[in-house]
């Protein structure tokens, strides 16, 4: 490292040209420098390496043993450096062989991942996609360490240090099985509270949610008889029983076996966002995937 501090890139480029040409004049022409400039740089290189590097000979200059040992490593290093600083190639999905990892709930799998899959498979057939369980407290660290490429989370409660793009606003509707005798029309508040409800409790075992908070604000309470961790199980339950549930509209509208009506109480919805780390913000492949997801909404 001590020797590296004495060097600049121009000196190494000059040395590479001298080792290729064995002639100061031709090296100068190759570099578009003047001959005196190359001579000065050669003198500086000799001082740094403590070696003549090039000696006069009958047909130009002859490299010393030290110079010969530098030739190939120097060429490889300069080629690697040139590749590192070259403009980034545009992403070609047709030939890409990326593996992307997305963190999502079952809700996001159905409303965000599934809609974009056909286009992803058609446009980037050699890529792979891994969907892992969303664990909100771990999102930021997973993104920082490259363990996930994207996460789908409600805007409220998203880690503030991650890049974010709002995708859509979701609202809740009342869903039950098609032909449910009490869902032929929008129920009254009293009828709504008398129904047997299923609730999604991501933390497990909870029987109180945003709907219950909205009801309590007007002095009402509903009958919650089942608590489950995932929305997709809720949809299966309400499609096959007389239980009902307040579910995100985008999810409910996907299932023909469900009857969907407006609830008699105003329940706050939420905004869904796509999250990613700054480290991948400018990556062409990552940017392509983000744009694909947005276009698939």
Protein backbone atom coordinates (compact mmCIF):
# COMPACT_ATOMS: atom_id res chain seq x y z
CA UNK A 1 0.00 0.00 0.00
CA UNK A 2 2.95 2.33 0.61
CA UNK A 3 3.99 2.14 -3.04
CA UNK A 4 0.42 2.58 -4.22
CA UNK A 5 0.20 5.92 -2.44
CA UNK A 6 3.11 7.17 -4.55
CA UNK A 7 1.41 6.20 -7.81
CA UNK A 8 -1.37 7.69 -9.82
CA UNK A 9 -3.30 5.98 -12.55
CA UNK A 10 -1.64 7.99 -15.33
CA UNK A 11 1.77 6.58 -14.40
CA UNK A 12 0.50 3.00 -14.60
CA UNK A 13 -1.16 3.65 -17.97
CA UNK A 14 2.13 5.11 -19.23
CA UNK A 15 4.09 2.12 -17.97
CA UNK A 16 1.69 -0.23 -19.74
CA UNK A 17 2.19 1.66 -23.02
CA UNK A 18 5.98 1.67 -22.61
CA UNK A 19 6.04 -2.06 -21.96
CA UNK A 20 3.95 -2.62 -25.07
CA UNK A 21 5.91 -0.29 -27.40
CA UNK A 22 9.49 -0.44 -26.01
CA UNK A 23 9.82 3.09 -27.34
CA UNK A 24 9.14 6.47 -25.68
CA UNK A 25 8.07 8.18 -28.92
CA UNK A 26 5.61 5.47 -29.91
CA UNK A 27 4.27 5.26 -26.35
CA UNK A 28 3.71 9.02 -26.41
CA UNK A 29 1.82 8.76 -29.70
CA UNK A 30 -0.30 5.92 -28.32
CA UNK A 31 -1.20 7.96 -25.24
CA UNK A 32 -1.58 11.26 -27.14
CA UNK A 33 1.09 12.78 -24.91
CA UNK A 34 4.23 14.68 -25.83
CA UNK A 35 7.52 12.78 -25.76
CA UNK A 36 8.94 14.94 -22.94
CA UNK A 37 5.86 14.17 -20.82
CA UNK A 38 6.36 10.42 -21.22
CA UNK A 39 10.09 10.78 -20.46
CA UNK A 40 9.28 12.63 -17.23
CA UNK A 41 6.75 9.95 -16.26
CA UNK A 42 9.29 7.18 -17.00
CA UNK A 43 11.78 8.89 -14.72
CA UNK A 44 9.15 9.00 -11.99
CA UNK A 45 8.33 5.31 -12.48
CA UNK A 46 12.01 4.38 -12.22
CA UNK A 47 12.20 6.27 -8.94
CA UNK A 48 9.10 4.58 -7.53
CA UNK A 49 10.06 1.04 -8.53
CA UNK A 50 13.77 1.49 -7.85
CA UNK A 51 14.51 -0.08 -11.23
CA UNK A 52 15.46 1.26 -14.71
CA UNK A 53 12.46 -0.65 -16.15
CA UNK A 54 13.55 0.05 -19.76
CA UNK A 55 17.15 0.13 -20.99
CA UNK A 56 18.55 1.35 -24.36
CA UNK A 57 19.02 -1.45 -26.89
CA UNK A 58 19.91 -1.92 -30.56
CA UNK A 59 16.22 -1.92 -31.59
CA UNK A 60 14.62 0.44 -29.12
CA UNK A 61 14.41 -0.15 -25.38
CA UNK A 62 14.65 -3.47 -23.60
CA UNK A 63 12.56 -4.17 -20.48
CA UNK A 64 14.40 -5.23 -17.35
CA UNK A 65 13.48 -8.40 -15.51
CA UNK A 66 11.43 -6.29 -13.08
CA UNK A 67 9.55 -4.70 -15.97
CA UNK A 68 8.84 -8.11 -17.52
CA UNK A 69 7.38 -9.33 -14.24
CA UNK A 70 5.07 -6.31 -14.18
CA UNK A 71 3.77 -6.63 -17.75
CA UNK A 72 0.96 -9.19 -17.37
CA UNK A 73 -0.27 -8.28 -13.85
CA UNK A 74 -0.34 -4.61 -14.87
CA UNK A 75 -2.31 -5.33 -18.04
CA UNK A 76 -4.85 -7.44 -16.14
CA UNK A 77 -5.21 -4.81 -13.41
CA UNK A 78 -5.82 -2.01 -15.91
CA UNK A 79 -8.37 -4.11 -17.82
CA UNK A 80 -10.20 -4.89 -14.58
CA UNK A 81 -10.18 -1.23 -13.59
CA UNK A 82 -11.47 -0.21 -17.02
CA UNK A 83 -14.32 -2.71 -16.67
CA UNK A 84 -15.16 -1.45 -13.19
CA UNK A 85 -15.51 2.18 -14.27
CA UNK A 86 -17.10 1.50 -17.66
CA UNK A 87 -20.71 2.66 -18.12
CA UNK A 88 -23.16 0.09 -16.80
CA UNK A 89 -24.70 -2.13 -19.44
CA UNK A 90 -28.48 -1.87 -19.78
CA UNK A 91 -30.43 -4.76 -18.28
CA UNK A 92 -31.50 -7.38 -20.81
CA UNK A 93 -34.33 -9.42 -19.27
CA UNK A 94 -34.33 -11.97 -22.10
CA UNK A 95 -30.81 -13.16 -21.24
CA UNK A 96 -30.74 -12.35 -17.51
CA UNK A 97 -30.18 -15.12 -14.98
CA UNK A 98 -30.98 -13.23 -11.79
CA UNK A 99 -32.54 -14.67 -8.66
CA UNK A 100 -34.73 -12.10 -6.91
CA UNK A 101 -36.05 -12.40 -3.36
CA UNK A 102 -39.25 -10.66 -2.29
CA UNK A 103 -40.63 -10.43 1.26
CA UNK A 104 -44.42 -10.51 1.28
CA UNK A 105 -47.48 -11.51 3.26
CA UNK A 106 -50.04 -13.83 1.70
CA UNK A 107 -52.07 -10.72 0.87
CA UNK A 108 -49.16 -9.15 -1.05
CA UNK A 109 -48.46 -12.47 -2.77
CA UNK A 110 -51.97 -12.45 -4.21
CA UNK A 111 -52.32 -8.75 -5.02
CA UNK A 112 -48.77 -7.87 -6.09
CA UNK A 113 -46.64 -10.92 -6.86
CA UNK A 114 -49.19 -13.05 -8.69
CA UNK A 115 -50.31 -10.31 -11.14
CA UNK A 116 -46.77 -9.66 -12.36
CA UNK A 117 -45.71 -13.32 -12.70
CA UNK A 118 -46.92 -13.89 -16.28
CA UNK A 119 -45.00 -10.86 -17.57
CA UNK A 120 -41.93 -11.79 -15.54
CA UNK A 121 -41.86 -15.33 -16.93
CA UNK A 122 -42.44 -14.15 -20.49
CA UNK A 123 -39.91 -11.28 -20.39
CA UNK A 124 -37.18 -12.87 -18.24
CA UNK A 125 -37.55 -16.64 -18.69
CA UNK A 126 -34.15 -17.55 -17.22
CA UNK A 127 -34.63 -15.67 -13.94
CA UNK A 128 -35.88 -17.08 -10.65
CA UNK A 129 -38.09 -15.56 -7.95
CA UNK A 130 -38.11 -16.45 -4.26
CA UNK A 131 -40.92 -15.17 -2.05
CA UNK A 132 -40.18 -15.26 1.66
CA UNK A 133 -42.35 -14.46 4.65
CA UNK A 134 -42.51 -10.79 5.55
CA UNK A 135 -41.20 -10.18 9.07
CA UNK A 136 -41.59 -6.41 9.59
CA UNK A 137 -38.93 -5.96 12.31
CA UNK A 138 -36.33 -7.63 10.04
CA UNK A 139 -37.06 -5.81 6.75
CA UNK A 140 -34.41 -3.12 7.06
CA UNK A 141 -31.58 -5.45 8.07
CA UNK A 142 -32.50 -8.02 5.41
CA UNK A 143 -32.50 -5.33 2.71
CA UNK A 144 -29.23 -3.83 3.96
CA UNK A 145 -27.49 -7.23 3.86
CA UNK A 146 -28.89 -8.13 0.44
CA UNK A 147 -31.05 -10.97 1.81
CA UNK A 148 -34.13 -9.51 0.15
CA UNK A 149 -34.48 -7.29 -2.92
CA UNK A 150 -37.95 -5.89 -2.22
CA UNK A 151 -40.49 -5.93 0.57
CA UNK A 152 -44.20 -5.14 0.42
CA UNK A 153 -45.55 -3.42 3.50
CA UNK A 154 -48.13 -0.87 4.51
CA UNK A 155 -46.73 2.64 4.22
CA UNK A 156 -47.56 3.26 7.84
CA UNK A 157 -44.97 1.46 9.89
CA UNK A 158 -42.45 1.04 7.04
CA UNK A 159 -38.77 1.46 8.00
CA UNK A 160 -37.94 5.15 7.39
CA UNK A 161 -34.41 4.42 6.12
CA UNK A 162 -35.55 2.37 3.11
CA UNK A 163 -36.52 3.65 -0.30
CA UNK A 164 -40.27 3.49 -0.77
CA UNK A 165 -42.82 3.69 -3.57
CA UNK A 166 -46.53 3.82 -2.81
CA UNK A 167 -48.41 1.30 -4.96
CA UNK A 168 -52.11 1.63 -4.15
CA UNK A 169 -54.63 2.43 -1.44
CA UNK A 170 -56.68 -0.47 -0.08
CA UNK A 171 -60.08 -0.46 1.62
CA UNK A 172 -62.00 -3.07 3.62
CA UNK A 173 -65.26 -4.70 2.53
CA UNK A 174 -67.52 -7.26 4.18
CA UNK A 175 -67.26 -10.71 2.61
CA UNK A 176 -69.16 -13.96 3.09
CA UNK A 177 -70.07 -16.98 1.01
CA UNK A 178 -72.08 -16.51 -2.15
CA UNK A 179 -75.72 -17.01 -1.18
CA UNK A 180 -75.15 -16.05 2.46
CA UNK A 181 -78.69 -15.41 3.77
CA UNK A 182 -77.67 -12.31 5.72
CA UNK A 183 -75.63 -10.67 2.97
CA UNK A 184 -78.30 -10.22 0.31
CA UNK A 185 -77.92 -6.50 0.91
CA UNK A 186 -75.80 -4.20 3.01
CA UNK A 187 -76.50 -5.07 6.66
CA UNK A 188 -77.41 -2.53 9.28
CA UNK A 189 -74.94 -1.86 12.07
CA UNK A 190 -76.93 -4.11 14.42
CA UNK A 191 -77.09 -6.92 11.84
CA UNK A 192 -73.37 -6.53 11.16
CA UNK A 193 -72.51 -6.88 14.84
CA UNK A 194 -74.74 -9.96 15.18
CA UNK A 195 -72.85 -11.86 12.47
CA UNK A 196 -70.05 -14.25 13.43
CA UNK A 197 -66.75 -12.76 12.26
CA UNK A 198 -63.29 -14.08 11.41
CA UNK A 199 -60.33 -11.78 12.04
CA UNK A 200 -56.75 -11.80 10.77
CA UNK A 201 -54.27 -11.39 13.59
CA UNK A 202 -50.69 -11.29 12.21
CA UNK A 203 -49.27 -11.49 15.73
CA UNK A 204 -51.42 -14.51 16.47
CA UNK A 205 -54.52 -15.02 18.56
CA UNK A 206 -55.85 -11.45 18.62
CA UNK A 207 -59.59 -10.77 18.56
CA UNK A 208 -59.51 -7.01 18.08
CA UNK A 209 -58.67 -5.05 14.92
CA UNK A 210 -59.30 -1.78 13.10
CA UNK A 211 -62.97 -2.72 12.57
CA UNK A 212 -63.46 -3.18 16.31
CA UNK A 213 -61.82 0.18 16.98
CA UNK A 214 -64.20 1.84 14.50
CA UNK A 215 -67.21 0.12 16.10
CA UNK A 216 -66.13 1.05 19.63
CA UNK A 217 -66.00 4.71 18.54
CA UNK A 218 -69.78 4.60 18.00
CA UNK A 219 -70.51 2.39 21.00
CA UNK A 220 -70.81 -0.92 19.16
CA UNK A 221 -69.06 -4.31 19.25
CA UNK A 222 -69.16 -7.33 16.93
CA UNK A 223 -68.89 -11.07 17.52
CA UNK A 224 -65.38 -12.27 16.60
CA UNK A 225 -65.37 -16.06 16.91
CA UNK A 226 -62.25 -17.02 14.95
CA UNK A 227 -58.72 -15.52 14.80
CA UNK A 228 -56.25 -16.67 12.13
CA UNK A 229 -52.83 -15.42 10.92
CA UNK A 230 -53.46 -15.28 7.14
CA UNK A 231 -56.02 -13.70 4.83
CA UNK A 232 -56.10 -16.63 2.40
CA UNK A 233 -57.36 -18.97 5.11
CA UNK A 234 -60.02 -16.38 5.97
CA UNK A 235 -61.26 -16.44 2.37
CA UNK A 236 -61.51 -20.23 2.45
CA UNK A 237 -63.38 -20.18 5.76
CA UNK A 238 -65.97 -17.57 4.75
CA UNK A 239 -66.50 -19.24 1.36
CA UNK A 240 -67.47 -22.51 3.06
CA UNK A 241 -69.27 -21.43 6.24
CA UNK A 242 -71.65 -18.74 7.41
CA UNK A 243 -68.80 -16.82 9.05
CA UNK A 244 -68.02 -13.41 7.57
CA UNK A 245 -64.93 -11.21 7.53
CA UNK A 246 -63.77 -7.69 6.83
CA UNK A 247 -61.15 -8.21 4.13
CA UNK A 248 -59.16 -6.04 1.70
CA UNK A 249 -61.27 -5.36 -1.39
CA UNK A 250 -58.54 -6.35 -3.89
CA UNK A 251 -58.36 -9.77 -2.29
CA UNK A 252 -62.11 -10.32 -1.99
CA UNK A 253 -62.85 -9.37 -5.60
CA UNK A 254 -60.56 -12.18 -6.83
CA UNK A 255 -62.91 -14.90 -5.49
CA UNK A 256 -66.17 -15.61 -7.31
CA UNK A 257 -67.29 -17.82 -4.41
CA UNK A 258 -67.63 -14.76 -2.17
CA UNK A 259 -70.42 -12.27 -1.74
CA UNK A 260 -68.97 -8.79 -1.16
CA UNK A 261 -70.97 -5.91 0.32
CA UNK A 262 -70.23 -2.57 1.95
CA UNK A 263 -69.93 -2.58 5.72
CA UNK A 264 -72.23 -0.30 7.71
CA UNK A 265 -69.26 1.23 9.54
CA UNK A 266 -66.40 3.27 8.07
CA UNK A 267 -63.17 1.33 8.58
CA UNK A 268 -59.83 3.02 7.79
CA UNK A 269 -57.93 1.44 4.92
CA UNK A 270 -54.21 1.53 4.25
CA UNK A 271 -51.61 2.30 1.60
CA UNK A 272 -49.39 -0.48 0.26
CA UNK A 273 -45.77 0.34 -0.55
CA UNK A 274 -42.78 -1.34 -2.15
CA UNK A 275 -39.57 -1.02 -0.12
CA UNK A 276 -35.90 -1.44 -1.05
CA UNK A 277 -32.43 -0.43 0.11
CA UNK A 278 -30.35 2.41 -1.28
CA UNK A 279 -27.63 -0.12 -2.24
CA UNK A 280 -29.80 -1.47 -5.07
CA UNK A 281 -31.66 1.71 -6.01
CA UNK A 282 -29.67 2.39 -9.21
CA UNK A 283 -29.09 -1.22 -10.25
CA UNK A 284 -30.61 -1.67 -13.77
CA UNK A 285 -31.98 -5.15 -13.02
CA UNK A 286 -33.53 -4.04 -9.76
CA UNK A 287 -35.03 -0.97 -11.39
CA UNK A 288 -36.51 -3.16 -14.16
CA UNK A 289 -38.19 -5.42 -11.60
CA UNK A 290 -39.67 -2.46 -9.71
CA UNK A 291 -41.06 -0.98 -12.90
CA UNK A 292 -42.52 -4.35 -13.89
CA UNK A 293 -44.38 -4.61 -10.58
CA UNK A 294 -45.80 -1.10 -10.91
CA UNK A 295 -46.88 -1.75 -14.51
CA UNK A 296 -48.68 -4.93 -13.44
CA UNK A 297 -51.01 -3.21 -10.98
